[in-house]
Amino acid sequence: MIVAEQKPLDEIRRMIAPYEKILILGCGTCMTVCGAGGEREVSLLHSALCVAQARDGDGTQSFLEYTVKRQCDFEFLDVLVDRVKEVDAILSLGCGVGVQTIAEHFPDTPVLPGVNTTFMGAAKEWGVWDERCAACGDCRLAETAGICPITRCVKGILNGPCAGSKNGKCEVNNDMDCAWILIYERLERLGQLEKMRRYYPPRNFRTIPRPRRIVSKAAVNLGGNDG
């Protein structure tokens, strides 16, 4: 799941300052789950902006609220056509992908990011997410028992624990389990400890060439990539 956090109110106010009528647009999936940009957060932000205006004696701006199921798919944005015609700008409480998708779908309307996208994570408990994937494009989870050493090891070590690991904990944060101890224990449980003997050469962490387009094989097979 993509995780984000809402930008500070002062920063949001600076972004929307040039516009009179703004659509505050929420996302009904990831941003709702992480409490950054769902229907509730849209409403709270609307109220906060109105209170700030009243405090400053400035009533020049007005706001509309709406939340779509997903901001990152065109098919869910068509319902916004009439609403977008009524506003000067869209304040998106979706992730960076959502902001760019909306901007592409409505090229004549400014789209502003209301949240900071932080990482892709898994829910550990209510309101707490652990980063699990860096989208590095070279997945080796089959060799590391489904535990990613890139995101779960502070140092991103690819070949076993460092000398600082102690009692199964990370030397950087004693509250954090050592990723490579977790990998070892799970490989042992699966009867695959021989994978610990393999050496992985240093990773090339140079930026992957951009832009990229990913086309699923399923889409190709169904004729969804007509070029």
Protein backbone atom coordinates (compact mmCIF):
# COMPACT_ATOMS: atom_id res chain seq x y z
CA MET A 1 0.00 0.00 0.00
CA ILE A 2 1.19 3.51 -0.78
CA VAL A 3 1.53 5.58 2.38
CA ALA A 4 1.49 9.37 2.64
CA GLU A 5 1.00 12.17 5.11
CA GLN A 6 -0.90 15.40 4.70
CA LYS A 7 1.14 18.53 4.09
CA PRO A 8 1.18 21.25 6.78
CA LEU A 9 -1.81 23.60 6.57
CA ASP A 10 0.39 26.66 6.01
CA GLU A 11 2.03 25.00 2.99
CA ILE A 12 -1.35 24.05 1.55
CA ARG A 13 -2.64 27.60 2.01
CA ARG A 14 0.36 29.01 0.17
CA MET A 15 -0.24 26.64 -2.76
CA ILE A 16 -3.93 27.48 -3.10
CA ALA A 17 -3.53 31.23 -2.52
CA PRO A 18 -3.78 32.21 -6.23
CA TYR A 19 -7.14 30.44 -6.68
CA GLU A 20 -10.65 31.38 -5.56
CA LYS A 21 -12.56 28.13 -5.93
CA ILE A 22 -10.82 24.87 -5.10
CA LEU A 23 -11.92 21.25 -5.31
CA ILE A 24 -10.49 19.24 -2.41
CA LEU A 25 -10.27 15.75 -3.87
CA GLY A 26 -9.80 12.65 -1.76
CA CYS A 27 -8.78 9.10 -2.68
CA GLY A 28 -10.89 6.19 -1.47
CA THR A 29 -8.17 3.54 -1.36
CA CYS A 30 -4.59 3.94 -0.07
CA MET A 31 -5.01 7.48 1.21
CA THR A 32 -8.17 6.53 3.08
CA VAL A 33 -6.52 3.54 4.75
CA CYS A 34 -3.44 5.50 5.87
CA GLY A 35 -5.56 8.40 7.12
CA ALA A 36 -4.02 11.01 4.84
CA GLY A 37 -6.61 11.77 2.18
CA GLY A 38 -9.90 9.91 2.46
CA GLU A 39 -13.39 11.41 2.74
CA ARG A 40 -12.87 12.17 6.43
CA GLU A 41 -9.58 13.95 5.82
CA VAL A 42 -11.11 15.96 2.96
CA SER A 43 -13.82 17.18 5.32
CA LEU A 44 -11.37 18.00 8.11
CA LEU A 45 -9.07 19.89 5.76
CA HIS A 46 -12.04 21.83 4.37
CA SER A 47 -13.01 22.86 7.89
CA ALA A 48 -9.43 23.79 8.79
CA LEU A 49 -9.12 25.99 5.69
CA CYS A 50 -12.39 27.75 6.44
CA VAL A 51 -11.38 28.37 10.06
CA ALA A 52 -8.03 29.76 8.91
CA GLN A 53 -9.79 32.09 6.49
CA ALA A 54 -12.18 33.32 9.17
CA ARG A 55 -9.28 33.90 11.56
CA ASP A 56 -7.50 36.01 8.96
CA GLY A 57 -10.66 37.85 7.96
CA ASP A 58 -10.31 36.53 4.43
CA GLY A 59 -13.37 35.01 2.81
CA THR A 60 -12.32 35.13 -0.82
CA GLN A 61 -11.90 31.38 -1.29
CA SER A 62 -14.53 28.67 -1.48
CA PHE A 63 -14.16 24.91 -1.51
CA LEU A 64 -15.87 21.84 -2.90
CA GLU A 65 -15.38 18.34 -1.46
CA TYR A 66 -15.32 15.05 -3.30
CA THR A 67 -13.65 11.66 -2.98
CA VAL A 68 -13.15 9.22 -5.84
CA LYS A 69 -12.47 5.53 -5.43
CA ARG A 70 -8.99 5.85 -6.96
CA GLN A 71 -7.20 8.89 -8.32
CA CYS A 72 -4.66 6.84 -10.26
CA ASP A 73 -7.12 5.42 -12.84
CA PHE A 74 -8.79 7.46 -15.57
CA GLU A 75 -11.97 5.40 -15.32
CA PHE A 76 -12.69 6.83 -11.85
CA LEU A 77 -12.04 10.45 -12.87
CA ASP A 78 -14.78 10.91 -15.45
CA VAL A 79 -17.30 11.68 -12.67
CA LEU A 80 -15.31 14.85 -11.97
CA VAL A 81 -15.83 16.50 -15.34
CA ASP A 82 -18.69 18.79 -14.26
CA ARG A 83 -17.13 19.57 -10.88
CA VAL A 84 -13.80 20.51 -12.41
CA LYS A 85 -15.56 23.02 -14.69
CA GLU A 86 -16.70 24.88 -11.57
CA VAL A 87 -13.29 25.32 -9.94
CA ASP A 88 -10.01 27.12 -10.52
CA ALA A 89 -7.79 24.37 -9.12
CA ILE A 90 -7.81 20.86 -7.69
CA LEU A 91 -6.16 20.12 -4.35
CA SER A 92 -5.43 16.41 -4.52
CA LEU A 93 -5.13 14.36 -1.35
CA GLY A 94 -3.90 11.42 -3.43
CA CYS A 95 -0.37 10.10 -3.86
CA GLY A 96 2.04 11.48 -6.42
CA VAL A 97 0.71 9.06 -9.03
CA GLY A 98 -2.83 10.31 -8.43
CA VAL A 99 -1.79 13.95 -8.78
CA GLN A 100 -0.12 13.28 -12.12
CA THR A 101 -3.02 11.19 -13.41
CA ILE A 102 -5.51 13.95 -12.60
CA ALA A 103 -3.26 16.56 -14.20
CA GLU A 104 -3.11 14.47 -17.37
CA HIS A 105 -6.88 13.91 -17.38
CA PHE A 106 -7.65 17.62 -16.81
CA PRO A 107 -4.80 19.45 -18.55
CA ASP A 108 -6.47 22.87 -18.32
CA THR A 109 -6.84 22.83 -14.53
CA PRO A 110 -4.01 23.30 -12.02
CA VAL A 111 -3.59 20.24 -9.77
CA LEU A 112 -1.87 20.73 -6.42
CA PRO A 113 -0.52 18.01 -4.09
CA GLY A 114 -2.02 18.07 -0.62
CA VAL A 115 0.01 15.16 0.75
CA ASN A 116 3.61 13.98 0.76
CA THR A 117 3.99 10.43 -0.55
CA THR A 118 6.40 8.61 1.76
CA PHE A 119 6.71 4.91 0.90
CA MET A 120 5.06 1.62 0.03
CA GLY A 121 4.28 -0.25 3.20
CA ALA A 122 2.39 -3.02 4.94
CA ALA A 123 0.11 -2.47 7.90
CA LYS A 124 1.77 -3.63 11.12
CA GLU A 125 -1.03 -2.43 13.38
CA TRP A 126 -3.72 0.24 13.24
CA GLY A 127 -2.11 3.45 12.01
CA VAL A 128 1.38 1.95 11.73
CA TRP A 129 3.03 0.89 8.45
CA ASP A 130 6.40 -0.69 7.80
CA GLU A 131 8.14 -0.08 4.49
CA ARG A 132 8.34 -3.33 2.56
CA CYS A 133 9.26 -2.44 -1.03
CA ALA A 134 11.47 0.16 -2.71
CA ALA A 135 10.28 -0.71 -6.23
CA CYS A 136 13.91 -1.36 -7.17
CA GLY A 137 12.97 -3.45 -10.20
CA ASP A 138 15.26 -6.36 -9.29
CA CYS A 139 13.28 -8.47 -6.84
CA ARG A 140 15.16 -11.24 -5.04
CA LEU A 141 12.57 -12.18 -2.44
CA ALA A 142 12.65 -15.80 -3.61
CA GLU A 143 16.23 -16.00 -2.35
CA THR A 144 15.63 -14.17 0.93
CA ALA A 145 12.54 -16.00 2.19
CA GLY A 146 10.15 -13.24 1.21
CA ILE A 147 11.92 -10.65 3.39
CA CYS A 148 13.45 -7.67 1.57
CA PRO A 149 16.94 -6.73 2.80
CA ILE A 150 16.83 -3.47 0.85
CA THR A 151 13.97 -1.96 2.83
CA ARG A 152 14.15 -3.94 6.08
CA CYS A 153 17.89 -3.64 6.67
CA VAL A 154 18.99 -0.10 7.55
CA LYS A 155 22.17 -0.62 5.54
CA GLY A 156 20.53 -2.49 2.65
CA ILE A 157 23.04 -5.33 3.02
CA LEU A 158 22.65 -8.14 0.49
CA ASN A 159 24.86 -10.84 2.02
CA GLY A 160 24.02 -11.61 5.61
CA PRO A 161 23.98 -9.55 8.80
CA CYS A 162 26.59 -6.96 9.66
CA ALA A 163 28.90 -7.24 12.64
CA GLY A 164 26.71 -4.86 14.62
CA SER A 165 23.70 -7.16 14.87
CA LYS A 166 23.22 -8.35 18.46
CA ASN A 167 20.61 -10.66 19.97
CA GLY A 168 18.66 -10.49 16.74
CA LYS A 169 18.35 -6.71 16.82
CA CYS A 170 19.71 -3.95 14.58
CA GLU A 171 22.63 -1.92 15.87
CA VAL A 172 21.03 1.28 14.60
CA ASN A 173 17.72 0.71 16.40
CA ASN A 174 17.48 -1.84 19.19
CA ASP A 175 13.71 -1.98 18.73
CA MET A 176 14.15 -3.18 15.16
CA ASP A 177 14.66 -6.84 14.28
CA CYS A 178 17.73 -7.58 12.18
CA ALA A 179 16.40 -8.33 8.71
CA TRP A 180 19.06 -10.95 8.04
CA ILE A 181 18.31 -12.81 11.27
CA LEU A 182 14.67 -12.91 10.18
CA ILE A 183 15.76 -14.17 6.77
CA TYR A 184 17.97 -16.86 8.33
CA GLU A 185 15.20 -18.06 10.66
CA ARG A 186 12.64 -18.26 7.88
CA LEU A 187 15.04 -20.02 5.49
CA GLU A 188 15.78 -22.51 8.26
CA ARG A 189 12.07 -23.08 8.80
CA LEU A 190 11.60 -23.65 5.07
CA GLY A 191 14.57 -25.98 4.84
CA GLN A 192 16.38 -23.62 2.46
CA LEU A 193 19.42 -22.55 4.46
CA GLU A 194 21.65 -23.31 1.48
CA LYS A 195 20.50 -19.98 0.07
CA MET A 196 22.48 -18.24 2.81
CA ARG A 197 25.66 -19.51 1.17
CA ARG A 198 25.04 -17.65 -2.07
CA TYR A 199 26.90 -14.44 -2.79
CA TYR A 200 25.14 -11.50 -4.38
CA PRO A 201 27.37 -8.91 -6.08
CA PRO A 202 26.97 -5.23 -5.12
CA ARG A 203 23.81 -3.66 -6.42
CA ASN A 204 23.83 -0.90 -8.99
CA PHE A 205 21.78 1.74 -7.25
CA ARG A 206 22.02 4.26 -10.05
CA THR A 207 18.69 5.74 -11.00
CA ILE A 208 16.75 3.54 -13.39
CA PRO A 209 16.28 5.36 -16.72
CA ARG A 210 13.09 7.40 -16.79
CA PRO A 211 10.41 7.59 -17.96
CA ARG A 212 9.29 3.98 -17.74
CA ARG A 213 6.08 2.32 -18.89
CA ILE A 214 5.07 -1.06 -17.53
CA VAL A 215 2.67 -3.17 -19.59
CA SER A 216 1.33 -6.31 -17.95
CA LYS A 217 1.39 -9.54 -19.93
CA ALA A 218 -2.28 -9.98 -19.10
CA ALA A 219 -3.10 -6.69 -20.80
CA VAL A 220 -1.13 -7.70 -23.88
CA ASN A 221 -2.86 -11.09 -24.03
CA LEU A 222 -6.25 -9.42 -23.78
CA GLY A 223 -5.40 -6.94 -26.48
CA GLY A 224 -5.26 -4.04 -24.04
CA ASN A 225 -2.02 -2.66 -25.49
CA ASP A 226 -3.10 -1.50 -28.90
CA GLY A 227 -0.18 0.89 -29.16
